[in-house]
Structure formats: structure tokens, C-alpha cells
């Protein structure tokens, strides 16, 4: 049995689930945050939030899919768990970094464009 294929399937299932759940949470709560930065422009805030969600999905799902080509061959169960945990952990850290970078950019530069 090829452990790489099992690891790919499990990795994609876990990370896609995490990406979708985090994206929906950020989308629901993000509109309130963006509206506090741009008061009185509900329609603009909704559009900004949808664009942020679309970009979030494209970047994270695309990166997750492309990381599969750099995996080494998995031969033992220990390596299976180690690689799966480290790759999933890296995606979670990347999500956090991208989220806080977006918050910083939006907070710092949104008023310059409106």
C-alpha cells in the first residue's frame, strides 16, 4: 500500500476543512471589522469582504495543492504521522500569518483609498 496516497488524501481533507472553516469565520466577522474602518459604506464593505474571501481561498487552496509535489516518499508509519503533522501545522501557521498581514494592510491603508 502506498502511504503517500493515503497521506495526500488525509492532508487535503484536513487542510481544506480548516481553510473553509476559518474562511467562513473570517467572512462572517470580517464584515463588521471592515464596516468599522469604513463607516456608512455597507455595500463597499460587503464587496471588500467577498474579495478578501475569494483571495483567501485561491491563495490557500492553491498553495495547499502545490505543496504535494514537494513531499518525500513515505515508507513508515512514523514518517507518515511526522510528515502529515508538520505539513498541516505549517499550513495553519501560514493561515495565521496571512490573516494578520491582511488585518495590518487593511487597517493601515484602507483610509488612504476612501
N, C-alpha and C. Protein backbone atom coordinates (compact mmCIF):
# COMPACT_ATOMS: atom_id res chain seq x y z
N UNK A 1 0.84 -1.18 0.00
CA UNK A 1 0.00 0.00 0.00
C UNK A 1 0.89 1.25 0.00
N UNK A 2 0.54 2.22 -0.80
CA UNK A 2 1.31 3.44 -0.92
C UNK A 2 0.86 4.43 0.16
N UNK A 3 1.73 4.69 1.13
CA UNK A 3 1.38 5.60 2.21
C UNK A 3 1.28 7.05 1.74
N UNK A 4 1.96 7.39 0.66
CA UNK A 4 1.87 8.76 0.15
C UNK A 4 0.45 9.11 -0.29
N UNK A 5 -0.20 8.20 -0.97
CA UNK A 5 -1.57 8.48 -1.43
C UNK A 5 -2.53 8.66 -0.26
N UNK A 6 -2.38 7.83 0.76
CA UNK A 6 -3.21 7.98 1.95
C UNK A 6 -2.91 9.31 2.64
N UNK A 7 -1.64 9.66 2.73
CA UNK A 7 -1.25 10.92 3.36
C UNK A 7 -1.78 12.11 2.57
N UNK A 8 -1.71 12.05 1.25
CA UNK A 8 -2.24 13.13 0.42
C UNK A 8 -3.73 13.33 0.68
N UNK A 9 -4.47 12.24 0.67
CA UNK A 9 -5.91 12.33 0.89
C UNK A 9 -6.25 12.88 2.26
N UNK A 10 -5.56 12.39 3.27
CA UNK A 10 -5.81 12.87 4.63
C UNK A 10 -5.39 14.32 4.79
N UNK A 11 -4.23 14.66 4.24
CA UNK A 11 -3.74 16.04 4.31
C UNK A 11 -4.70 17.01 3.63
N UNK A 12 -5.14 16.67 2.42
CA UNK A 12 -6.07 17.55 1.71
C UNK A 12 -7.40 17.67 2.43
N UNK A 13 -7.89 16.58 2.99
CA UNK A 13 -9.15 16.63 3.73
C UNK A 13 -9.03 17.54 4.95
N UNK A 14 -7.98 17.36 5.72
CA UNK A 14 -7.79 18.17 6.93
C UNK A 14 -7.59 19.63 6.59
N UNK A 15 -6.69 19.93 5.67
CA UNK A 15 -6.38 21.33 5.38
C UNK A 15 -7.52 22.04 4.66
N UNK A 16 -8.22 21.37 3.77
CA UNK A 16 -9.35 22.02 3.11
C UNK A 16 -10.45 22.31 4.12
N UNK A 17 -10.69 21.39 5.03
CA UNK A 17 -11.68 21.63 6.08
C UNK A 17 -11.27 22.84 6.93
N UNK A 18 -10.00 22.90 7.35
CA UNK A 18 -9.54 24.03 8.16
C UNK A 18 -9.65 25.33 7.38
N UNK A 19 -9.24 25.33 6.12
CA UNK A 19 -9.29 26.54 5.30
C UNK A 19 -10.73 27.03 5.13
N UNK A 20 -11.65 26.13 4.86
CA UNK A 20 -13.05 26.53 4.66
C UNK A 20 -13.66 27.06 5.96
N UNK A 21 -13.42 26.37 7.07
CA UNK A 21 -13.99 26.81 8.36
C UNK A 21 -13.43 28.17 8.76
N UNK A 22 -12.12 28.34 8.67
CA UNK A 22 -11.51 29.62 9.02
C UNK A 22 -11.99 30.72 8.07
N UNK A 23 -12.12 30.41 6.79
CA UNK A 23 -12.62 31.39 5.82
C UNK A 23 -14.03 31.84 6.13
N UNK A 24 -14.90 30.92 6.50
CA UNK A 24 -16.28 31.29 6.83
C UNK A 24 -16.34 32.13 8.11
N UNK A 25 -15.53 31.78 9.10
CA UNK A 25 -15.49 32.56 10.34
C UNK A 25 -14.99 33.97 10.06
N UNK A 26 -13.92 34.08 9.31
CA UNK A 26 -13.37 35.41 8.98
C UNK A 26 -14.35 36.20 8.12
N UNK A 27 -15.06 35.53 7.23
CA UNK A 27 -16.03 36.23 6.38
C UNK A 27 -17.18 36.78 7.22
N UNK A 28 -17.71 35.95 8.12
CA UNK A 28 -18.83 36.40 8.97
C UNK A 28 -18.43 37.57 9.85
N UNK A 29 -17.27 37.47 10.48
CA UNK A 29 -16.84 38.51 11.41
C UNK A 29 -16.11 39.65 10.72
N UNK A 30 -15.61 39.41 9.54
CA UNK A 30 -14.83 40.42 8.84
C UNK A 30 -15.65 41.60 8.35
N UNK A 31 -16.91 41.36 8.02
CA UNK A 31 -17.74 42.46 7.54
C UNK A 31 -17.91 43.51 8.61
N UNK A 32 -18.09 43.10 9.85
CA UNK A 32 -18.21 44.04 10.96
C UNK A 32 -16.92 44.82 11.12
N UNK A 33 -15.79 44.14 11.00
CA UNK A 33 -14.49 44.80 11.14
C UNK A 33 -14.27 45.82 10.02
N UNK A 34 -14.54 45.43 8.79
CA UNK A 34 -14.34 46.34 7.66
C UNK A 34 -15.31 47.51 7.75
N UNK A 35 -16.54 47.25 8.21
CA UNK A 35 -17.52 48.34 8.36
C UNK A 35 -17.08 49.34 9.42
N UNK A 36 -16.37 48.89 10.44
CA UNK A 36 -15.87 49.83 11.45
C UNK A 36 -14.75 50.71 10.88
N UNK A 37 -14.04 50.22 9.88
CA UNK A 37 -13.00 51.01 9.24
C UNK A 37 -13.57 51.99 8.22
N UNK A 38 -14.67 51.60 7.57
CA UNK A 38 -15.29 52.43 6.55
C UNK A 38 -16.77 52.61 6.91
N UNK A 39 -17.07 53.43 7.89
CA UNK A 39 -18.47 53.55 8.31
C UNK A 39 -19.33 54.20 7.23
N UNK A 40 -20.57 53.70 7.11
CA UNK A 40 -21.51 54.27 6.17
C UNK A 40 -21.43 53.73 4.76
N UNK A 41 -20.60 52.76 4.52
CA UNK A 41 -20.44 52.18 3.19
C UNK A 41 -20.65 50.67 3.25
N UNK A 42 -21.85 50.24 3.61
CA UNK A 42 -22.16 48.83 3.79
C UNK A 42 -21.91 48.02 2.51
N UNK A 43 -22.33 48.54 1.37
CA UNK A 43 -22.16 47.82 0.11
C UNK A 43 -20.68 47.63 -0.24
N UNK A 44 -19.90 48.68 -0.06
CA UNK A 44 -18.46 48.60 -0.32
C UNK A 44 -17.80 47.61 0.63
N UNK A 45 -18.19 47.61 1.88
CA UNK A 45 -17.61 46.68 2.87
C UNK A 45 -17.94 45.24 2.52
N UNK A 46 -19.15 44.99 2.06
CA UNK A 46 -19.52 43.63 1.67
C UNK A 46 -18.69 43.17 0.48
N UNK A 47 -18.49 44.06 -0.49
CA UNK A 47 -17.67 43.70 -1.65
C UNK A 47 -16.20 43.45 -1.28
N UNK A 48 -15.67 44.30 -0.40
CA UNK A 48 -14.29 44.11 0.05
C UNK A 48 -14.16 42.77 0.76
N UNK A 49 -15.13 42.44 1.59
CA UNK A 49 -15.10 41.19 2.33
C UNK A 49 -15.18 39.98 1.40
N UNK A 50 -16.01 40.06 0.36
CA UNK A 50 -16.11 38.96 -0.60
C UNK A 50 -14.81 38.80 -1.39
N UNK A 51 -14.18 39.91 -1.75
CA UNK A 51 -12.91 39.85 -2.47
C UNK A 51 -11.83 39.24 -1.57
N UNK A 52 -11.82 39.62 -0.30
CA UNK A 52 -10.85 39.04 0.63
C UNK A 52 -11.07 37.54 0.79
N UNK A 53 -12.32 37.10 0.85
CA UNK A 53 -12.61 35.67 0.99
C UNK A 53 -12.18 34.90 -0.26
N UNK A 54 -12.46 35.47 -1.43
CA UNK A 54 -12.07 34.81 -2.68
C UNK A 54 -10.55 34.69 -2.77
N UNK A 55 -9.85 35.77 -2.47
CA UNK A 55 -8.39 35.74 -2.49
C UNK A 55 -7.83 34.77 -1.47
N UNK A 56 -8.46 34.72 -0.31
CA UNK A 56 -8.05 33.80 0.75
C UNK A 56 -8.15 32.35 0.28
N UNK A 57 -9.28 32.01 -0.32
CA UNK A 57 -9.46 30.64 -0.82
C UNK A 57 -8.48 30.32 -1.94
N UNK A 58 -8.31 31.22 -2.88
CA UNK A 58 -7.41 30.96 -4.00
C UNK A 58 -5.97 30.75 -3.55
N UNK A 59 -5.49 31.62 -2.68
CA UNK A 59 -4.11 31.52 -2.22
C UNK A 59 -3.91 30.25 -1.39
N UNK A 60 -4.77 30.02 -0.42
CA UNK A 60 -4.55 28.91 0.50
C UNK A 60 -4.81 27.55 -0.13
N UNK A 61 -5.87 27.41 -0.89
CA UNK A 61 -6.14 26.13 -1.54
C UNK A 61 -5.11 25.84 -2.61
N UNK A 62 -4.71 26.86 -3.35
CA UNK A 62 -3.67 26.68 -4.36
C UNK A 62 -2.34 26.30 -3.76
N UNK A 63 -1.96 26.96 -2.68
CA UNK A 63 -0.70 26.63 -2.03
C UNK A 63 -0.73 25.22 -1.45
N UNK A 64 -1.86 24.87 -0.84
CA UNK A 64 -2.00 23.53 -0.27
C UNK A 64 -1.85 22.46 -1.34
N UNK A 65 -2.45 22.67 -2.49
CA UNK A 65 -2.37 21.69 -3.56
C UNK A 65 -0.95 21.60 -4.13
N UNK A 66 -0.28 22.73 -4.25
CA UNK A 66 1.06 22.70 -4.84
C UNK A 66 2.12 22.15 -3.89
N UNK A 67 1.86 22.12 -2.60
CA UNK A 67 2.85 21.57 -1.68
C UNK A 67 2.98 20.07 -1.82
N UNK A 68 2.01 19.42 -2.42
CA UNK A 68 2.06 17.97 -2.55
C UNK A 68 3.22 17.49 -3.41
N UNK A 69 3.66 18.30 -4.37
CA UNK A 69 4.74 17.85 -5.25
C UNK A 69 6.09 17.82 -4.55
N UNK A 70 6.21 18.47 -3.39
CA UNK A 70 7.49 18.53 -2.69
C UNK A 70 7.60 17.50 -1.57
N UNK A 71 6.64 16.62 -1.45
CA UNK A 71 6.69 15.61 -0.38
C UNK A 71 7.68 14.52 -0.75
N UNK A 72 8.39 14.06 0.27
CA UNK A 72 9.27 12.92 0.05
C UNK A 72 8.48 11.62 0.18
N UNK A 73 9.08 10.54 -0.22
CA UNK A 73 8.40 9.24 -0.18
C UNK A 73 8.24 8.80 1.27
N UNK A 74 7.03 8.39 1.63
CA UNK A 74 6.72 7.94 2.98
C UNK A 74 6.81 6.41 3.00
N UNK A 75 7.65 5.89 3.89
CA UNK A 75 7.85 4.44 3.93
C UNK A 75 7.41 3.81 5.24
N UNK A 76 7.34 4.60 6.32
CA UNK A 76 6.96 4.04 7.62
C UNK A 76 5.79 4.82 8.20
N UNK A 77 5.14 4.21 9.16
CA UNK A 77 4.02 4.86 9.83
C UNK A 77 4.48 6.08 10.63
N UNK A 78 5.67 6.00 11.20
CA UNK A 78 6.23 7.15 11.94
C UNK A 78 6.45 8.33 11.01
N UNK A 79 7.01 8.08 9.86
CA UNK A 79 7.22 9.15 8.88
C UNK A 79 5.88 9.69 8.39
N UNK A 80 4.90 8.83 8.24
CA UNK A 80 3.56 9.23 7.82
C UNK A 80 2.99 10.26 8.79
N UNK A 81 3.04 9.95 10.08
CA UNK A 81 2.49 10.85 11.10
C UNK A 81 3.31 12.14 11.19
N UNK A 82 4.64 12.00 11.12
CA UNK A 82 5.51 13.16 11.22
C UNK A 82 5.30 14.13 10.06
N UNK A 83 5.26 13.63 8.87
CA UNK A 83 5.09 14.48 7.69
C UNK A 83 3.70 15.11 7.67
N UNK A 84 2.69 14.32 7.97
CA UNK A 84 1.33 14.84 7.99
C UNK A 84 1.17 15.94 9.03
N UNK A 85 1.71 15.75 10.22
CA UNK A 85 1.60 16.75 11.29
C UNK A 85 2.38 18.02 10.94
N UNK A 86 3.60 17.86 10.43
CA UNK A 86 4.40 19.05 10.12
C UNK A 86 3.82 19.84 8.96
N UNK A 87 3.33 19.17 7.94
CA UNK A 87 2.75 19.88 6.79
C UNK A 87 1.44 20.57 7.16
N UNK A 88 0.62 19.89 7.96
CA UNK A 88 -0.64 20.50 8.40
C UNK A 88 -0.36 21.68 9.33
N UNK A 89 0.59 21.52 10.23
CA UNK A 89 0.96 22.62 11.12
C UNK A 89 1.48 23.83 10.37
N UNK A 90 2.27 23.58 9.32
CA UNK A 90 2.80 24.69 8.53
C UNK A 90 1.66 25.45 7.84
N UNK A 91 0.67 24.73 7.33
CA UNK A 91 -0.47 25.40 6.68
C UNK A 91 -1.23 26.25 7.69
N UNK A 92 -1.40 25.75 8.91
CA UNK A 92 -2.10 26.52 9.95
C UNK A 92 -1.33 27.78 10.31
N UNK A 93 -0.02 27.68 10.45
CA UNK A 93 0.80 28.86 10.74
C UNK A 93 0.73 29.85 9.58
N UNK A 94 0.76 29.35 8.36
CA UNK A 94 0.64 30.22 7.19
C UNK A 94 -0.70 30.95 7.18
N UNK A 95 -1.76 30.28 7.54
CA UNK A 95 -3.07 30.92 7.61
C UNK A 95 -3.06 32.07 8.62
N UNK A 96 -2.45 31.84 9.76
CA UNK A 96 -2.38 32.89 10.78
C UNK A 96 -1.57 34.08 10.29
N UNK A 97 -0.45 33.83 9.66
CA UNK A 97 0.39 34.92 9.15
C UNK A 97 -0.36 35.72 8.09
N UNK A 98 -1.02 35.04 7.17
CA UNK A 98 -1.77 35.74 6.13
C UNK A 98 -2.92 36.54 6.72
N UNK A 99 -3.59 36.00 7.72
CA UNK A 99 -4.71 36.70 8.34
C UNK A 99 -4.23 38.00 8.99
N UNK A 100 -3.18 37.93 9.79
CA UNK A 100 -2.70 39.13 10.46
C UNK A 100 -2.06 40.12 9.48
N UNK A 101 -1.49 39.63 8.41
CA UNK A 101 -0.97 40.54 7.38
C UNK A 101 -2.12 41.29 6.72
N UNK A 102 -3.21 40.59 6.40
CA UNK A 102 -4.38 41.25 5.83
C UNK A 102 -4.95 42.29 6.77
N UNK A 103 -5.06 41.96 8.05
CA UNK A 103 -5.56 42.93 9.03
C UNK A 103 -4.68 44.17 9.09
N UNK A 104 -3.38 43.97 9.07
CA UNK A 104 -2.45 45.09 9.10
C UNK A 104 -2.60 45.97 7.87
N UNK A 105 -2.64 45.35 6.71
CA UNK A 105 -2.74 46.11 5.46
C UNK A 105 -4.06 46.86 5.39
N UNK A 106 -5.15 46.21 5.73
CA UNK A 106 -6.46 46.86 5.67
C UNK A 106 -6.52 48.01 6.65
N UNK A 107 -6.05 47.80 7.88
CA UNK A 107 -6.11 48.84 8.89
C UNK A 107 -5.24 50.03 8.52
N UNK A 108 -4.08 49.76 7.98
CA UNK A 108 -3.14 50.84 7.68
C UNK A 108 -3.50 51.64 6.43
N UNK A 109 -4.02 50.95 5.40
CA UNK A 109 -4.15 51.59 4.10
C UNK A 109 -5.58 51.84 3.62
N UNK A 110 -6.58 51.36 4.33
CA UNK A 110 -7.96 51.49 3.81
C UNK A 110 -8.40 52.96 3.73
N UNK A 111 -8.03 53.75 4.70
CA UNK A 111 -8.47 55.16 4.70
C UNK A 111 -7.78 56.00 3.64
N UNK A 112 -6.66 55.54 3.11
CA UNK A 112 -5.97 56.29 2.05
C UNK A 112 -6.71 56.20 0.72
N UNK A 113 -7.53 55.14 0.54
CA UNK A 113 -8.21 54.92 -0.74
C UNK A 113 -9.65 55.40 -0.71
N UNK A 114 -10.16 55.77 0.44
CA UNK A 114 -11.58 56.17 0.51
C UNK A 114 -11.69 57.65 0.77
